[in-house]
N, C-alpha and C. Protein backbone atom coordinates (compact mmCIF):
# COMPACT_ATOMS: atom_id res chain seq x y z
N UNK A 1 31.71 -9.28 -21.06
CA UNK A 1 32.97 -8.42 -20.22
C UNK A 1 33.25 -6.78 -20.31
N UNK A 2 32.73 -6.17 -21.17
CA UNK A 2 32.63 -4.49 -21.31
C UNK A 2 32.85 -3.99 -20.05
N UNK A 3 32.42 -4.26 -18.56
CA UNK A 3 32.87 -3.68 -17.51
C UNK A 3 33.86 -4.37 -17.02
N UNK A 4 34.97 -5.33 -17.94
CA UNK A 4 36.09 -5.81 -17.29
C UNK A 4 36.56 -4.94 -18.31
N UNK A 5 38.06 -4.45 -17.72
CA UNK A 5 39.23 -3.99 -18.43
C UNK A 5 40.35 -4.67 -18.40
N UNK A 6 40.78 -4.88 -19.89
CA UNK A 6 42.48 -5.81 -19.81
C UNK A 6 43.19 -4.34 -19.04
N UNK A 7 45.06 -4.60 -19.90
CA UNK A 7 46.19 -3.42 -19.37
C UNK A 7 46.08 -2.95 -20.56
N UNK A 8 45.60 -4.01 -21.69
CA UNK A 8 45.55 -2.41 -22.29
C UNK A 8 44.38 -1.82 -22.62
N UNK A 9 43.14 -2.39 -22.36
CA UNK A 9 42.07 -1.72 -22.33
C UNK A 9 42.09 -0.77 -21.38
N UNK A 10 42.70 -0.47 -20.20
CA UNK A 10 42.67 -0.03 -19.04
C UNK A 10 43.35 1.30 -19.87
N UNK A 11 44.94 1.23 -19.96
CA UNK A 11 45.45 2.47 -20.59
C UNK A 11 45.16 2.80 -21.84
N UNK A 12 44.25 2.12 -22.95
CA UNK A 12 43.64 3.44 -24.15
C UNK A 12 42.12 3.27 -23.19
N UNK A 13 41.95 3.70 -21.76
CA UNK A 13 40.60 4.52 -21.31
C UNK A 13 40.81 5.84 -20.79
N UNK A 14 42.08 5.32 -20.08
CA UNK A 14 42.79 6.57 -19.15
C UNK A 14 43.41 6.99 -19.80
N UNK A 15 44.60 7.06 -21.08
CA UNK A 15 45.62 7.60 -22.20
C UNK A 15 46.71 7.87 -21.86
N UNK A 16 46.85 6.12 -20.55
CA UNK A 16 48.06 6.38 -20.54
C UNK A 16 48.93 4.74 -21.40
N UNK A 17 50.31 4.69 -20.34
CA UNK A 17 50.81 3.13 -20.98
C UNK A 17 49.94 2.47 -21.13
N UNK A 18 50.78 1.14 -20.27
CA UNK A 18 49.92 0.13 -20.37
C UNK A 18 51.37 -0.62 -19.16
N UNK A 19 52.30 -0.07 -19.16
CA UNK A 19 53.13 -0.26 -18.17
C UNK A 19 53.03 0.87 -16.92
N UNK A 20 52.40 1.71 -17.29
CA UNK A 20 51.86 3.10 -16.63
C UNK A 20 50.53 2.01 -15.16
N UNK A 21 49.59 1.57 -16.53
CA UNK A 21 48.12 0.60 -15.50
C UNK A 21 49.05 -0.30 -14.37
N UNK A 22 49.67 -1.02 -15.07
CA UNK A 22 50.90 -2.50 -14.37
C UNK A 22 51.35 -1.77 -13.22
N UNK A 23 51.81 -0.19 -13.17
CA UNK A 23 52.29 -0.17 -12.01
C UNK A 23 51.58 0.59 -10.76
N UNK A 24 50.92 0.95 -11.57
CA UNK A 24 49.15 1.39 -10.25
C UNK A 24 48.77 0.54 -9.64
N UNK A 25 48.75 -0.73 -10.93
CA UNK A 25 48.15 -2.35 -10.08
C UNK A 25 49.27 -2.02 -9.13
N UNK A 26 49.96 -2.81 -9.01
CA UNK A 26 51.40 -3.11 -8.00
C UNK A 26 51.84 -2.25 -7.12
N UNK A 27 51.13 -1.00 -7.21
CA UNK A 27 51.42 -0.42 -6.01
C UNK A 27 50.03 -0.24 -5.41
N UNK A 28 49.15 -0.63 -5.37
CA UNK A 28 47.69 -1.46 -4.96
C UNK A 28 46.85 0.11 -5.25
N UNK A 29 47.08 1.12 -5.99
CA UNK A 29 46.20 2.31 -6.82
C UNK A 29 45.28 1.99 -7.25
N UNK A 30 45.13 0.81 -7.86
CA UNK A 30 43.89 0.59 -8.67
C UNK A 30 43.91 -1.28 -8.67
N UNK A 31 42.42 -1.48 -7.96
CA UNK A 31 42.23 -2.63 -7.55
C UNK A 31 42.16 -3.11 -8.48
N UNK A 32 42.65 -5.04 -8.85
CA UNK A 32 42.81 -5.63 -9.99
C UNK A 32 42.51 -7.02 -10.05
N UNK A 33 42.37 -8.21 -10.16
CA UNK A 33 42.33 -9.56 -10.23
C UNK A 33 43.32 -9.96 -11.51
N UNK A 34 43.42 -11.42 -11.27
CA UNK A 34 44.31 -12.40 -12.14
C UNK A 34 43.55 -13.54 -12.48
N UNK A 35 43.40 -13.19 -13.71
CA UNK A 35 42.25 -14.80 -14.06
C UNK A 35 43.46 -16.36 -14.25
N UNK A 36 43.18 -17.57 -14.42
CA UNK A 36 43.70 -17.74 -14.05
C UNK A 36 44.89 -18.31 -14.85
N UNK A 37 44.72 -17.55 -16.28
CA UNK A 37 46.15 -17.60 -16.29
C UNK A 37 47.14 -16.64 -16.70
N UNK A 38 46.63 -15.93 -15.39
CA UNK A 38 48.24 -14.66 -14.23
C UNK A 38 47.56 -13.15 -15.58
N UNK A 39 46.26 -13.40 -15.98
CA UNK A 39 46.32 -12.25 -16.46
C UNK A 39 45.27 -11.22 -15.65
N UNK A 40 46.40 -10.00 -16.02
CA UNK A 40 45.45 -8.45 -15.05
C UNK A 40 44.15 -7.76 -15.55
N UNK A 41 42.95 -8.33 -14.65
CA UNK A 41 41.83 -7.60 -15.33
C UNK A 41 41.18 -6.67 -13.97
N UNK A 42 40.68 -5.86 -14.42
CA UNK A 42 40.57 -4.38 -13.53
C UNK A 42 38.79 -4.23 -13.87
N UNK A 43 37.59 -4.29 -13.00
CA UNK A 43 36.46 -3.96 -13.28
C UNK A 43 36.29 -2.71 -13.66
N UNK A 44 35.46 -2.16 -14.50
CA UNK A 44 35.45 -1.04 -14.75
C UNK A 44 34.68 0.88 -13.52
N UNK A 45 33.92 -0.43 -12.21
CA UNK A 45 33.39 0.85 -11.23
C UNK A 45 35.12 0.49 -10.27
N UNK A 46 36.06 -0.28 -10.25
CA UNK A 46 37.63 0.27 -9.48
C UNK A 46 38.59 0.93 -10.68
N UNK A 47 37.97 0.92 -12.10
CA UNK A 47 38.84 1.74 -12.66
C UNK A 47 38.83 3.12 -12.68
N UNK A 48 37.21 3.39 -12.35
CA UNK A 48 36.85 4.81 -12.55
C UNK A 48 36.22 5.45 -11.31
N UNK A 49 36.75 4.87 -10.83
CA UNK A 49 36.51 5.48 -9.42
C UNK A 49 38.38 6.06 -8.53
N UNK A 50 38.84 4.94 -9.10
CA UNK A 50 41.12 5.91 -9.47
C UNK A 50 40.48 6.95 -9.97
N UNK A 51 39.93 7.07 -10.91
CA UNK A 51 40.48 8.08 -12.20
C UNK A 51 39.91 9.16 -11.79
N UNK A 52 38.11 8.87 -10.96
CA UNK A 52 37.86 9.98 -10.71
C UNK A 52 38.75 10.59 -9.25
N UNK A 53 39.18 9.39 -8.15
CA UNK A 53 40.03 10.32 -7.51
C UNK A 53 41.42 11.21 -7.32
N UNK A 54 42.13 10.79 -9.07
CA UNK A 54 43.17 11.34 -9.25
C UNK A 54 43.11 12.62 -10.46
N UNK A 55 41.28 12.50 -10.70
CA UNK A 55 41.25 13.99 -11.76
C UNK A 55 41.39 13.75 -12.72
N UNK A 56 41.83 12.54 -13.48
CA UNK A 56 41.72 11.66 -14.87
C UNK A 56 40.68 12.12 -15.50
N UNK A 57 40.37 12.73 -16.55
CA UNK A 57 38.91 12.60 -16.65
C UNK A 57 38.04 11.18 -17.56
N UNK A 58 36.88 10.53 -17.80
CA UNK A 58 36.46 9.38 -17.72
C UNK A 58 36.09 9.90 -19.33
N UNK A 59 36.12 9.37 -20.28
CA UNK A 59 36.04 9.32 -21.99
C UNK A 59 34.58 9.23 -21.83
N UNK A 60 34.10 9.99 -23.01
CA UNK A 60 32.66 9.41 -23.18
C UNK A 60 32.23 8.70 -23.93
N UNK A 61 32.95 7.86 -24.44
CA UNK A 61 32.91 6.93 -24.97
C UNK A 61 33.92 5.36 -25.33
N UNK A 62 33.38 5.09 -24.97
CA UNK A 62 34.71 3.75 -25.41
C UNK A 62 35.08 3.03 -27.23
N UNK A 63 35.63 3.69 -27.37
CA UNK A 63 35.93 3.14 -29.31
C UNK A 63 36.21 1.07 -28.41
N UNK A 64 35.09 0.26 -29.80
CA UNK A 64 34.87 -0.74 -29.41
C UNK A 64 35.63 -1.69 -30.86
N UNK A 65 36.47 -3.17 -30.32
CA UNK A 65 37.13 -3.15 -31.48
C UNK A 65 37.77 -4.74 -31.45
N UNK A 66 37.34 -5.51 -32.54
CA UNK A 66 37.61 -6.82 -32.32
C UNK A 66 38.78 -7.67 -31.71
N UNK A 67 38.92 -8.62 -30.88
CA UNK A 67 40.39 -8.62 -29.51
C UNK A 67 40.60 -9.69 -30.45
N UNK A 68 41.79 -10.04 -30.87
CA UNK A 68 41.87 -11.45 -31.48
C UNK A 68 42.77 -12.15 -30.23
N UNK A 69 42.25 -13.36 -30.68
CA UNK A 69 42.20 -14.35 -29.65
C UNK A 69 43.07 -15.36 -29.44
N UNK A 70 44.19 -15.39 -28.84
CA UNK A 70 46.00 -16.12 -28.49
C UNK A 70 45.53 -17.65 -27.05
N UNK A 71 46.19 -18.87 -27.56
CA UNK A 71 46.18 -20.13 -27.48
C UNK A 71 47.27 -20.66 -26.53
N UNK A 72 48.05 -20.40 -25.80
CA UNK A 72 49.59 -20.55 -25.51
C UNK A 72 49.34 -22.01 -25.34
N UNK A 73 49.77 -22.88 -25.53
CA UNK A 73 50.36 -24.07 -25.08
C UNK A 73 51.56 -24.45 -24.77
N UNK A 74 51.29 -24.66 -23.93
CA UNK A 74 53.39 -24.82 -22.82
C UNK A 74 53.00 -25.50 -21.58
N UNK A 75 53.98 -26.55 -21.27
CA UNK A 75 53.89 -27.07 -19.54
C UNK A 75 54.45 -26.01 -19.13
N UNK A 76 55.64 -25.59 -19.26
CA UNK A 76 56.22 -24.78 -18.68
C UNK A 76 55.49 -23.52 -18.03
N UNK A 77 55.43 -23.43 -17.14
CA UNK A 77 54.32 -22.24 -16.18
C UNK A 77 54.95 -20.83 -16.26
N UNK A 78 56.41 -21.20 -16.16
CA UNK A 78 57.73 -19.87 -16.88
C UNK A 78 57.11 -18.68 -17.94
N UNK A 79 57.60 -19.96 -19.20
CA UNK A 79 57.34 -19.57 -20.43
C UNK A 79 56.29 -19.35 -20.70
N UNK A 80 55.34 -19.36 -19.81
CA UNK A 80 53.56 -19.67 -20.11
C UNK A 80 53.61 -17.91 -19.33
N UNK A 81 53.82 -17.40 -18.31
CA UNK A 81 53.85 -16.65 -18.15
C UNK A 81 54.71 -15.23 -18.73
N UNK A 82 55.95 -15.72 -19.41
CA UNK A 82 56.73 -14.59 -20.04
C UNK A 82 55.67 -14.32 -20.64
N UNK A 83 55.64 -15.18 -22.58
CA UNK A 83 54.65 -14.77 -23.07
C UNK A 83 53.48 -14.38 -22.82
N UNK A 84 52.64 -14.41 -21.87
CA UNK A 84 51.68 -13.68 -21.53
C UNK A 84 51.81 -12.51 -21.18
N UNK A 85 52.00 -12.26 -20.62
CA UNK A 85 53.16 -10.64 -19.30
C UNK A 85 53.68 -9.73 -20.70
N UNK A 86 54.25 -10.51 -22.29
CA UNK A 86 54.85 -9.82 -23.18
C UNK A 86 53.97 -9.24 -24.10
N UNK A 87 52.64 -10.21 -24.50
CA UNK A 87 51.70 -9.83 -25.26
C UNK A 87 50.34 -9.07 -24.83
N UNK A 88 50.45 -9.42 -23.59
CA UNK A 88 49.57 -8.67 -22.56
C UNK A 88 49.49 -7.11 -22.82
N UNK A 89 51.29 -6.72 -22.65
CA UNK A 89 51.24 -5.12 -22.35
C UNK A 89 51.31 -4.48 -24.00
N UNK A 90 51.39 -5.28 -24.63
CA UNK A 90 51.68 -5.19 -25.97
C UNK A 90 50.22 -4.75 -26.54
N UNK A 91 50.62 -3.18 -27.51
CA UNK A 91 49.57 -2.32 -28.09
C UNK A 91 48.38 -3.29 -28.37
N UNK A 92 48.13 -4.10 -28.95
CA UNK A 92 46.79 -5.17 -30.16
C UNK A 92 46.09 -5.10 -28.84
N UNK A 93 45.73 -5.52 -27.71
CA UNK A 93 45.26 -5.64 -26.64
C UNK A 93 44.14 -7.56 -27.29
N UNK A 94 45.13 -7.82 -26.56
CA UNK A 94 45.09 -9.93 -27.48
C UNK A 94 44.25 -9.93 -26.21
N UNK A 95 43.17 -10.77 -26.37
CA UNK A 95 42.95 -11.76 -25.53
C UNK A 95 43.46 -13.65 -25.55
N UNK A 96 44.22 -13.75 -24.02
CA UNK A 96 45.22 -14.71 -24.15
C UNK A 96 44.57 -15.66 -22.83
N UNK A 97 44.38 -16.77 -23.73
CA UNK A 97 44.41 -18.04 -22.15
C UNK A 97 45.73 -18.93 -23.26
N UNK A 98 45.86 -20.00 -21.83
CA UNK A 98 46.91 -20.69 -22.29
C UNK A 98 46.12 -22.31 -21.78
N UNK A 99 47.45 -23.28 -21.82
CA UNK A 99 46.99 -24.86 -21.64
C UNK A 99 48.21 -24.91 -21.69
N UNK A 100 47.91 -26.20 -20.62
CA UNK A 100 49.21 -26.98 -19.87
C UNK A 100 49.65 -28.12 -20.25
N UNK A 101 48.86 -28.69 -21.19
CA UNK A 101 48.60 -29.75 -21.99
C UNK A 101 47.81 -30.18 -23.45
N UNK A 102 48.45 -30.87 -24.25
CA UNK A 102 47.58 -31.67 -25.32
C UNK A 102 45.96 -32.33 -24.74
N UNK A 103 45.08 -32.82 -23.90
CA UNK A 103 43.97 -32.09 -24.04
C UNK A 103 43.16 -30.72 -23.78
N UNK A 104 43.65 -30.39 -23.02
CA UNK A 104 43.30 -28.72 -22.11
C UNK A 104 43.51 -27.79 -23.70
N UNK A 105 44.44 -27.87 -24.17
CA UNK A 105 44.50 -27.01 -25.58
C UNK A 105 43.53 -27.81 -26.81
N UNK A 106 43.42 -29.28 -26.96
CA UNK A 106 42.62 -29.74 -27.95
C UNK A 106 40.76 -28.94 -27.03
N UNK A 107 40.41 -28.88 -26.43
CA UNK A 107 39.41 -28.37 -25.20
C UNK A 107 39.36 -26.79 -26.33
N UNK A 108 40.38 -25.92 -25.83
CA UNK A 108 40.57 -24.92 -25.78
C UNK A 108 40.24 -24.31 -26.88
N UNK A 109 41.22 -24.99 -28.12
CA UNK A 109 40.72 -24.96 -29.73
C UNK A 109 39.72 -24.75 -29.84
N UNK A 110 38.13 -25.80 -29.76
CA UNK A 110 37.35 -26.01 -29.71
C UNK A 110 36.17 -24.94 -29.38
N UNK A 111 37.05 -24.61 -28.03
CA UNK A 111 35.90 -23.55 -26.77
C UNK A 111 36.32 -21.81 -27.59
N UNK A 112 37.50 -21.61 -27.14
CA UNK A 112 37.63 -20.50 -27.15
C UNK A 112 38.40 -19.92 -28.88
N UNK A 113 38.28 -20.83 -30.13
CA UNK A 113 38.64 -20.48 -30.90
C UNK A 113 39.55 -19.76 -31.58
N UNK A 114 41.03 -19.53 -31.46
CA UNK A 114 42.00 -18.98 -31.15
C UNK A 114 42.27 -18.21 -31.97
N UNK A 115 42.81 -17.23 -32.78
CA UNK A 115 42.79 -16.59 -34.68
C UNK A 115 44.00 -16.59 -34.57
N UNK A 116 45.14 -17.44 -32.93
CA UNK A 116 46.40 -17.77 -32.84
C UNK A 116 46.81 -18.95 -31.98
N UNK A 117 47.71 -19.91 -32.71
CA UNK A 117 48.37 -20.48 -31.74
C UNK A 117 49.86 -20.64 -31.41
N UNK A 118 49.92 -20.77 -30.24
CA UNK A 118 51.95 -20.81 -30.69
C UNK A 118 51.94 -21.95 -29.56
N UNK A 119 52.43 -22.51 -29.95
CA UNK A 119 52.28 -24.68 -29.18
C UNK A 119 53.62 -24.63 -29.07
N UNK A 120 54.33 -25.59 -28.00
CA UNK A 120 55.37 -26.10 -27.41
C UNK A 120 55.05 -27.90 -28.01
N UNK A 121 56.23 -27.80 -28.89
CA UNK A 121 55.53 -29.75 -29.40
C UNK A 121 56.56 -29.89 -28.37
N UNK A 122 57.23 -30.62 -27.60
CA UNK A 122 57.98 -30.82 -26.58
C UNK A 122 57.75 -31.21 -25.66
N UNK A 123 55.75 -31.27 -25.33
CA UNK A 123 55.59 -31.39 -24.71
C UNK A 123 54.77 -33.41 -24.29
N UNK A 124 54.39 -34.31 -23.73
CA UNK A 124 54.89 -35.51 -23.46
C UNK A 124 53.66 -36.17 -24.41
N UNK A 125 52.83 -35.33 -23.89
CA UNK A 125 51.29 -35.90 -24.86
C UNK A 125 51.16 -34.80 -26.85
N UNK A 126 51.71 -34.29 -26.85
CA UNK A 126 51.82 -33.48 -27.61
C UNK A 126 52.31 -33.98 -29.17
N UNK A 127 51.92 -34.06 -30.06
CA UNK A 127 51.98 -34.46 -31.41
C UNK A 127 52.45 -33.75 -32.84
N UNK A 128 53.66 -32.69 -32.62
CA UNK A 128 53.59 -31.65 -33.31
C UNK A 128 52.49 -31.31 -34.47
N UNK A 129 53.49 -32.42 -35.52
CA UNK A 129 53.09 -32.77 -36.71
C UNK A 129 51.42 -32.70 -36.54
N UNK A 130 50.94 -33.27 -35.56
CA UNK A 130 49.79 -33.80 -35.66
C UNK A 130 49.17 -33.22 -35.25
N UNK A 131 48.92 -32.06 -34.51
CA UNK A 131 48.44 -31.03 -33.75
C UNK A 131 48.06 -30.16 -35.49
N UNK A 132 49.48 -29.60 -35.42
CA UNK A 132 49.05 -28.55 -36.65
C UNK A 132 48.22 -29.08 -38.48
N UNK A 133 48.76 -30.60 -38.27
CA UNK A 133 47.62 -31.61 -39.31
C UNK A 133 46.12 -31.07 -38.84
N UNK A 134 45.87 -31.17 -38.02
CA UNK A 134 44.37 -31.41 -37.40
C UNK A 134 44.01 -30.32 -37.40
N UNK A 135 44.80 -29.39 -37.29
CA UNK A 135 43.68 -27.77 -36.78
C UNK A 135 43.92 -26.89 -38.74
N UNK A 136 44.49 -27.57 -39.66
CA UNK A 136 44.95 -26.92 -40.64
C UNK A 136 43.43 -27.57 -41.41
N UNK A 137 43.26 -29.26 -41.49
CA UNK A 137 42.75 -29.89 -42.14
C UNK A 137 41.06 -29.75 -41.56
N UNK A 138 40.75 -28.84 -40.52
CA UNK A 138 39.77 -28.55 -40.12
C UNK A 138 38.61 -27.14 -40.74
N UNK A 139 38.22 -27.40 -40.86
CA UNK A 139 37.29 -25.96 -41.90
C UNK A 139 36.90 -24.98 -40.68
N UNK A 140 36.78 -25.03 -39.35
CA UNK A 140 36.55 -24.22 -38.23
C UNK A 140 37.79 -23.62 -37.74
N UNK A 141 38.41 -24.41 -38.07
CA UNK A 141 40.40 -24.21 -37.65
C UNK A 141 41.66 -23.70 -38.88
N UNK A 142 40.91 -23.72 -40.35
CA UNK A 142 42.22 -23.55 -41.26
C UNK A 142 42.48 -22.26 -40.52
N UNK A 143 41.79 -21.57 -41.22
CA UNK A 143 42.85 -19.86 -40.36
C UNK A 143 43.55 -19.76 -39.75
N UNK A 144 43.14 -20.17 -38.54
CA UNK A 144 43.51 -20.49 -36.87
C UNK A 144 45.89 -20.57 -37.73
N UNK A 145 46.62 -19.37 -37.09
CA UNK A 145 48.00 -19.18 -37.49
C UNK A 145 48.24 -20.01 -36.28
N UNK A 146 49.33 -20.97 -37.30
CA UNK A 146 49.82 -21.21 -35.89
C UNK A 146 51.79 -21.20 -35.27
N UNK A 147 52.62 -20.77 -34.34
CA UNK A 147 53.79 -20.88 -33.87
C UNK A 147 53.95 -21.95 -33.13
N UNK A 148 54.70 -22.43 -33.90
CA UNK A 148 55.59 -23.95 -33.05
C UNK A 148 56.93 -23.49 -32.32
N UNK A 149 56.92 -23.59 -31.44
CA UNK A 149 57.99 -23.34 -30.09
C UNK A 149 58.86 -24.37 -29.89
N UNK A 150 59.96 -25.07 -29.54
CA UNK A 150 61.27 -26.19 -29.16
C UNK A 150 61.82 -26.01 -28.75
N UNK A 151 63.05 -26.26 -28.29
CA UNK A 151 64.40 -26.26 -28.00
C UNK A 151 64.78 -27.42 -28.84
N UNK A 152 64.17 -28.49 -29.11
CA UNK A 152 65.21 -29.60 -29.58
C UNK A 152 65.18 -29.84 -31.61
N UNK A 153 64.23 -28.52 -31.72
CA UNK A 153 64.01 -29.76 -33.50
C UNK A 153 65.20 -28.25 -34.48
N UNK A 154 65.26 -29.27 -35.08
CA UNK A 154 66.57 -28.81 -36.15
C UNK A 154 65.84 -28.27 -37.32
N UNK A 155 66.82 -28.11 -37.84
CA UNK A 155 66.30 -26.90 -39.31
C UNK A 155 64.94 -28.24 -40.17
N UNK A 156 65.57 -29.43 -40.42
CA UNK A 156 64.93 -30.41 -41.18
C UNK A 156 62.88 -30.28 -40.72
N UNK A 157 63.56 -30.71 -38.71
CA UNK A 157 62.22 -31.31 -38.60
C UNK A 157 61.74 -29.30 -38.55
N UNK A 158 61.98 -28.68 -38.27
CA UNK A 158 60.97 -27.38 -38.68
C UNK A 158 60.43 -27.15 -39.91
N UNK A 159 61.16 -28.03 -41.26
CA UNK A 159 60.18 -27.49 -42.66
C UNK A 159 59.53 -28.58 -42.43
N UNK A 160 59.86 -30.44 -42.01
CA UNK A 160 58.69 -30.91 -41.70
C UNK A 160 57.46 -30.38 -41.11
N UNK A 161 57.53 -29.55 -40.14
CA UNK A 161 56.39 -28.57 -38.83
C UNK A 161 55.35 -28.00 -40.13
N UNK A 162 56.39 -26.95 -40.88
CA UNK A 162 55.77 -26.01 -41.90
C UNK A 162 55.15 -26.87 -42.79
N UNK A 163 55.37 -27.94 -43.37
CA UNK A 163 54.68 -28.48 -44.12
C UNK A 163 53.54 -29.21 -43.55
N UNK A 164 53.34 -29.66 -42.40
CA UNK A 164 51.86 -29.90 -41.95
C UNK A 164 51.28 -28.93 -41.21
N UNK A 165 51.68 -27.87 -41.74
CA UNK A 165 50.67 -26.30 -41.61
C UNK A 165 51.08 -25.27 -40.37
N UNK A 166 52.48 -25.61 -39.91
CA UNK A 166 52.74 -24.20 -39.16
C UNK A 166 53.28 -23.17 -40.06
N UNK A 167 52.71 -21.95 -39.72
CA UNK A 167 53.12 -20.89 -39.98
C UNK A 167 55.02 -20.38 -39.51
N UNK A 168 55.28 -20.45 -38.55
CA UNK A 168 56.35 -19.81 -37.35
C UNK A 168 56.73 -21.06 -37.06
N UNK A 169 58.50 -21.46 -37.01
CA UNK A 169 58.88 -22.19 -36.07
C UNK A 169 59.65 -20.80 -35.31
N UNK A 170 60.23 -20.90 -33.56
CA UNK A 170 60.95 -20.58 -33.23
C UNK A 170 61.52 -21.56 -32.22
N UNK A 171 63.46 -21.89 -32.17
CA UNK A 171 63.75 -22.27 -31.44
C UNK A 171 63.65 -21.82 -29.82
N UNK A 172 63.95 -22.39 -28.50
CA UNK A 172 63.69 -21.84 -27.39
C UNK A 172 65.46 -21.67 -27.20
N UNK A 173 65.98 -21.40 -25.98
CA UNK A 173 65.04 -19.49 -25.93
C UNK A 173 65.24 -19.02 -27.51
N UNK A 174 63.55 -18.42 -27.65
CA UNK A 174 63.28 -18.20 -28.36
C UNK A 174 63.12 -16.60 -28.20
N UNK A 175 63.62 -15.67 -29.18
CA UNK A 175 63.44 -13.29 -29.19
C UNK A 175 62.60 -13.24 -29.09
N UNK A 176 62.01 -12.96 -27.72
CA UNK A 176 61.06 -12.54 -27.83
C UNK A 176 60.52 -11.02 -28.10
N UNK A 177 61.45 -9.77 -28.39
CA UNK A 177 60.75 -8.96 -29.52
C UNK A 177 60.47 -9.67 -30.95
N UNK A 178 61.05 -10.43 -31.09
CA UNK A 178 60.81 -10.59 -32.49
C UNK A 178 59.49 -11.58 -32.65
N UNK A 179 59.12 -12.67 -32.12
CA UNK A 179 58.17 -13.18 -31.18
C UNK A 179 57.15 -12.45 -31.58
N UNK A 180 57.20 -11.46 -30.85
CA UNK A 180 55.76 -10.10 -30.23
C UNK A 180 55.61 -9.51 -32.33
N UNK A 181 56.51 -9.20 -32.60
CA UNK A 181 56.44 -9.01 -34.03
C UNK A 181 55.92 -9.64 -35.16
N UNK A 182 56.52 -11.21 -35.21
CA UNK A 182 55.64 -12.45 -35.66
C UNK A 182 53.88 -12.24 -35.43
N UNK A 183 53.97 -12.06 -34.00
CA UNK A 183 52.49 -12.57 -33.40
C UNK A 183 52.10 -11.04 -34.62
N UNK A 184 51.89 -10.27 -34.06
CA UNK A 184 51.50 -9.23 -34.28
C UNK A 184 51.68 -8.66 -36.22
N UNK A 185 52.40 -9.29 -37.20
CA UNK A 185 52.29 -9.81 -38.37
C UNK A 185 51.53 -10.38 -39.08
N UNK A 186 51.55 -11.83 -37.78
CA UNK A 186 50.53 -12.98 -38.26
C UNK A 186 48.89 -12.00 -38.27
N UNK A 187 48.66 -11.73 -37.31
CA UNK A 187 47.28 -11.14 -37.08
C UNK A 187 46.85 -10.33 -37.83
N UNK A 188 47.75 -9.45 -38.34
CA UNK A 188 47.04 -8.36 -38.58
C UNK A 188 46.08 -8.77 -40.11
N UNK A 189 45.33 -7.71 -40.49
CA UNK A 189 43.87 -8.01 -40.79
C UNK A 189 44.78 -8.57 -42.21
N UNK A 190 44.02 -8.60 -42.96
CA UNK A 190 44.53 -9.45 -44.48
C UNK A 190 43.58 -8.03 -45.69
């Protein structure tokens, strides 16, 4: 995948802000595509062709860093898109995928091995307490951080979610800047 850039990776490569890369893509200056989850991706050849055309110097070598993986589980595509866009534009260069139901989420947890799970527990096929308990009880997923989102939980139920393994709970509508801060804090190296 080293020949494909995220918005953040492209911004570092060009030494501009992620928002500038998004503006260039939206204006048609850089060719990009979207993943199934709605993430923008740029082929290295397309980015470098744009940089040469604009006189932007190509870096000698690209820094290599491990990207933190985030799985967003929500059946509301607007919430998923909002979270994806906010976190993808963040300076941390997260690798983000989404799932729209419990079955898909289970497959993605096993396959994608997220460092962080953002979970809407008010979905028809998701039992939030069970999901948290299962993730925290499995050796391979025990370190996964879990942020629970819900429009209908009170403090007592949030407390029960935390007792079952949730690291944080947010009520919908959630404060996006605070959520982004908490995601960064939970994913900081220990």
